[in-house]
Protein backbone atom coordinates (compact mmCIF):
# COMPACT_ATOMS: atom_id res chain seq x y z
CA MET A 1 107.24 107.91 -60.51
CA ASN A 2 105.39 104.59 -60.49
CA MET A 3 103.79 104.02 -56.81
CA SER A 4 101.90 101.30 -55.59
CA ILE A 5 98.47 101.93 -53.92
CA PHE A 6 99.97 101.48 -50.46
CA GLU A 7 102.71 103.96 -51.15
CA LYS A 8 100.25 106.63 -52.22
CA LYS A 9 98.06 105.99 -49.13
CA PHE A 10 101.01 106.10 -46.82
CA ILE A 11 102.17 109.39 -48.36
CA THR A 12 98.61 110.81 -48.13
CA LEU A 13 98.50 109.93 -44.53
CA MET A 14 101.89 111.41 -43.69
CA GLU A 15 100.98 114.69 -45.33
CA GLN A 16 97.98 115.44 -43.24
CA PRO A 17 98.45 117.87 -40.43
CA VAL A 18 98.58 116.59 -36.97
CA GLU A 19 96.60 118.55 -34.39
CA ALA A 20 97.94 118.64 -30.92
CA PRO A 21 95.29 119.00 -28.06
CA SER A 22 95.38 122.34 -26.39
CA PRO A 23 96.58 122.55 -22.96
CA GLU A 24 93.16 123.74 -21.63
CA ALA A 25 91.49 120.66 -23.21
CA ILE A 26 93.47 118.32 -20.92
CA PRO A 27 91.91 118.50 -17.39
CA GLU A 28 94.31 118.70 -14.43
CA GLU A 29 93.19 115.90 -12.02
CA PRO A 30 94.98 115.20 -8.73
CA VAL A 31 96.88 111.95 -8.74
CA ASP A 32 95.65 109.37 -6.24
CA PRO A 33 98.77 107.42 -5.04
CA THR A 34 96.65 104.35 -4.11
CA ASP A 35 95.35 104.05 -7.64
CA PRO A 36 96.65 100.56 -8.81
CA SER A 37 96.82 101.70 -12.47
CA ILE A 38 99.59 104.14 -11.70
CA PRO A 39 103.02 102.35 -11.73
CA THR A 40 104.99 102.58 -8.66
CA SER A 41 108.69 101.86 -7.97
CA ASP A 42 107.70 98.30 -6.80
CA THR A 43 105.71 97.60 -10.00
CA LEU A 44 108.51 98.97 -12.09
CA THR A 45 111.23 96.61 -10.53
CA ALA A 46 108.75 93.68 -10.66
CA ILE A 47 108.95 93.93 -14.42
CA ASP A 48 112.50 92.68 -14.39
CA ASP A 49 111.53 89.87 -11.93
CA VAL A 50 110.53 87.52 -14.73
CA GLY A 51 111.75 83.89 -14.77
CA ASP A 52 113.45 82.21 -17.72
CA ASN A 53 111.31 81.39 -20.64
CA PRO A 54 110.48 77.51 -20.51
CA SER A 55 110.63 77.37 -24.24
CA ILE A 56 114.28 78.41 -24.14
CA GLY A 57 115.05 75.74 -21.48
CA TRP A 58 113.37 73.05 -23.51
CA ARG A 59 115.29 74.06 -26.64
CA LYS A 60 118.56 74.00 -24.76
CA GLU A 61 117.88 70.57 -23.34
CA THR A 62 116.74 69.17 -26.67
CA ASN A 63 119.79 70.58 -28.41
CA SER A 64 121.97 69.06 -25.70
CA LYS A 65 120.44 65.67 -26.15
CA GLN A 66 120.81 65.90 -29.84
CA ARG A 67 124.35 66.98 -29.49
CA ASP A 68 125.15 63.92 -27.41
CA GLN A 69 123.48 61.80 -30.11
CA ILE A 70 125.52 63.31 -33.00
CA GLN A 71 128.74 62.66 -30.91
CA GLY A 72 127.63 59.00 -30.68
CA TRP A 73 127.07 58.88 -34.38
CA ILE A 74 130.48 60.39 -35.01
CA GLY A 75 132.03 57.62 -32.84
CA GLN A 76 130.21 54.88 -34.56
CA LEU A 77 131.02 56.21 -37.95
CA GLU A 78 134.80 56.65 -37.10
CA THR A 79 134.90 53.07 -35.88
CA PHE A 80 133.19 51.78 -39.07
CA ASN A 81 135.66 53.82 -41.07
CA GLY A 82 138.52 52.25 -39.22
CA PHE A 83 137.02 48.79 -39.91
CA LEU A 84 136.81 49.67 -43.59
CA ASN A 85 139.97 51.54 -44.36
CA GLY A 86 142.03 51.62 -41.00
CA VAL A 87 145.82 51.35 -40.87
CA ASP A 88 145.85 48.25 -38.74
CA SER A 89 146.12 44.77 -39.98
CA ASN A 90 142.48 44.09 -39.01
CA SER A 91 140.84 46.58 -41.42
CA MET A 92 139.08 45.31 -44.35
CA GLN A 93 141.35 47.05 -46.86
CA ALA A 94 144.53 45.76 -45.10
CA GLN A 95 143.13 42.17 -45.21
CA LEU A 96 142.12 42.39 -48.82
CA ASN A 97 145.54 44.03 -49.85
CA ASN A 98 147.53 41.47 -47.94
CA ALA A 99 145.69 38.48 -49.62
CA ASP A 100 147.60 35.79 -51.52
CA CYS A 101 147.18 35.42 -55.24
CA ASP A 102 144.27 33.32 -56.47
CA THR A 103 142.24 33.59 -53.43
CA LEU A 104 138.85 34.92 -52.76
CA PHE A 105 140.20 37.96 -50.89
CA ASN A 106 142.47 38.75 -53.82
CA GLY A 107 139.45 38.67 -56.32
CA VAL A 108 137.44 41.04 -53.94
CA SER A 109 140.48 43.25 -53.61
CA LYS A 110 140.85 43.67 -57.33
CA SER A 111 137.18 44.71 -57.88
CA GLU A 112 136.15 46.45 -54.75
CA THR A 113 139.23 48.27 -53.29
CA LYS A 114 138.17 51.54 -55.03
CA LYS A 115 134.61 51.34 -53.80
CA ILE A 116 135.67 50.59 -50.27
CA SER A 117 138.03 53.55 -50.45
CA ARG A 118 135.21 55.85 -51.76
CA ILE A 119 132.88 54.77 -49.03
CA ALA A 120 135.33 55.29 -46.39
CA GLN A 121 136.05 58.76 -47.90
CA ASP A 122 132.39 59.67 -47.88
CA ILE A 123 132.06 58.56 -44.26
CA SER A 124 134.98 60.82 -43.33
CA GLY A 125 133.31 63.71 -45.03
CA LEU A 126 130.10 63.01 -43.14
CA VAL A 127 131.93 62.94 -39.77
CA GLU A 128 133.58 66.25 -40.53
CA SER A 129 130.19 67.78 -41.49
CA LEU A 130 128.70 66.52 -38.28
CA LYS A 131 131.62 67.88 -36.32
CA GLY A 132 130.96 71.30 -38.08
CA TYR A 133 127.37 71.22 -36.92
CA LEU A 134 128.59 70.60 -33.32
CA LEU A 135 130.90 73.49 -33.49
CA SER A 136 128.45 75.87 -34.83
CA ALA A 137 125.86 74.83 -32.23
CA ASP A 138 128.58 75.46 -29.47
CA SER A 139 129.13 78.98 -30.79
CA GLU A 140 125.33 79.92 -30.56
């Protein structure tokens, strides 16, 4: 069996006999009820009377602010995605696809439609990822 130095030391310590003090070695002293070192029922209940940890409040406040900021980002990205590849006639893709032949828009449409669609798809993926972070933060 291949043991490390720490394992050997631990086993050695565990195998040593434990000597309990004899009852006559422990002196019986009368308990002084006014001794402040002896816990009373008041001190025991005071242990549970502790306020919230300020670092937890700070973290919750920070997460709340960041959650609001992420929601703002999501709104802006969705607006921009609608501008790029929305279904209304004002979107960039709609205007390029409805362009007349031999126009500047038609030339842009031929070469850049796939790129615009890919960017819009990447933005949609980012929006969904951000929404996932919000959902996971809400469940914590």
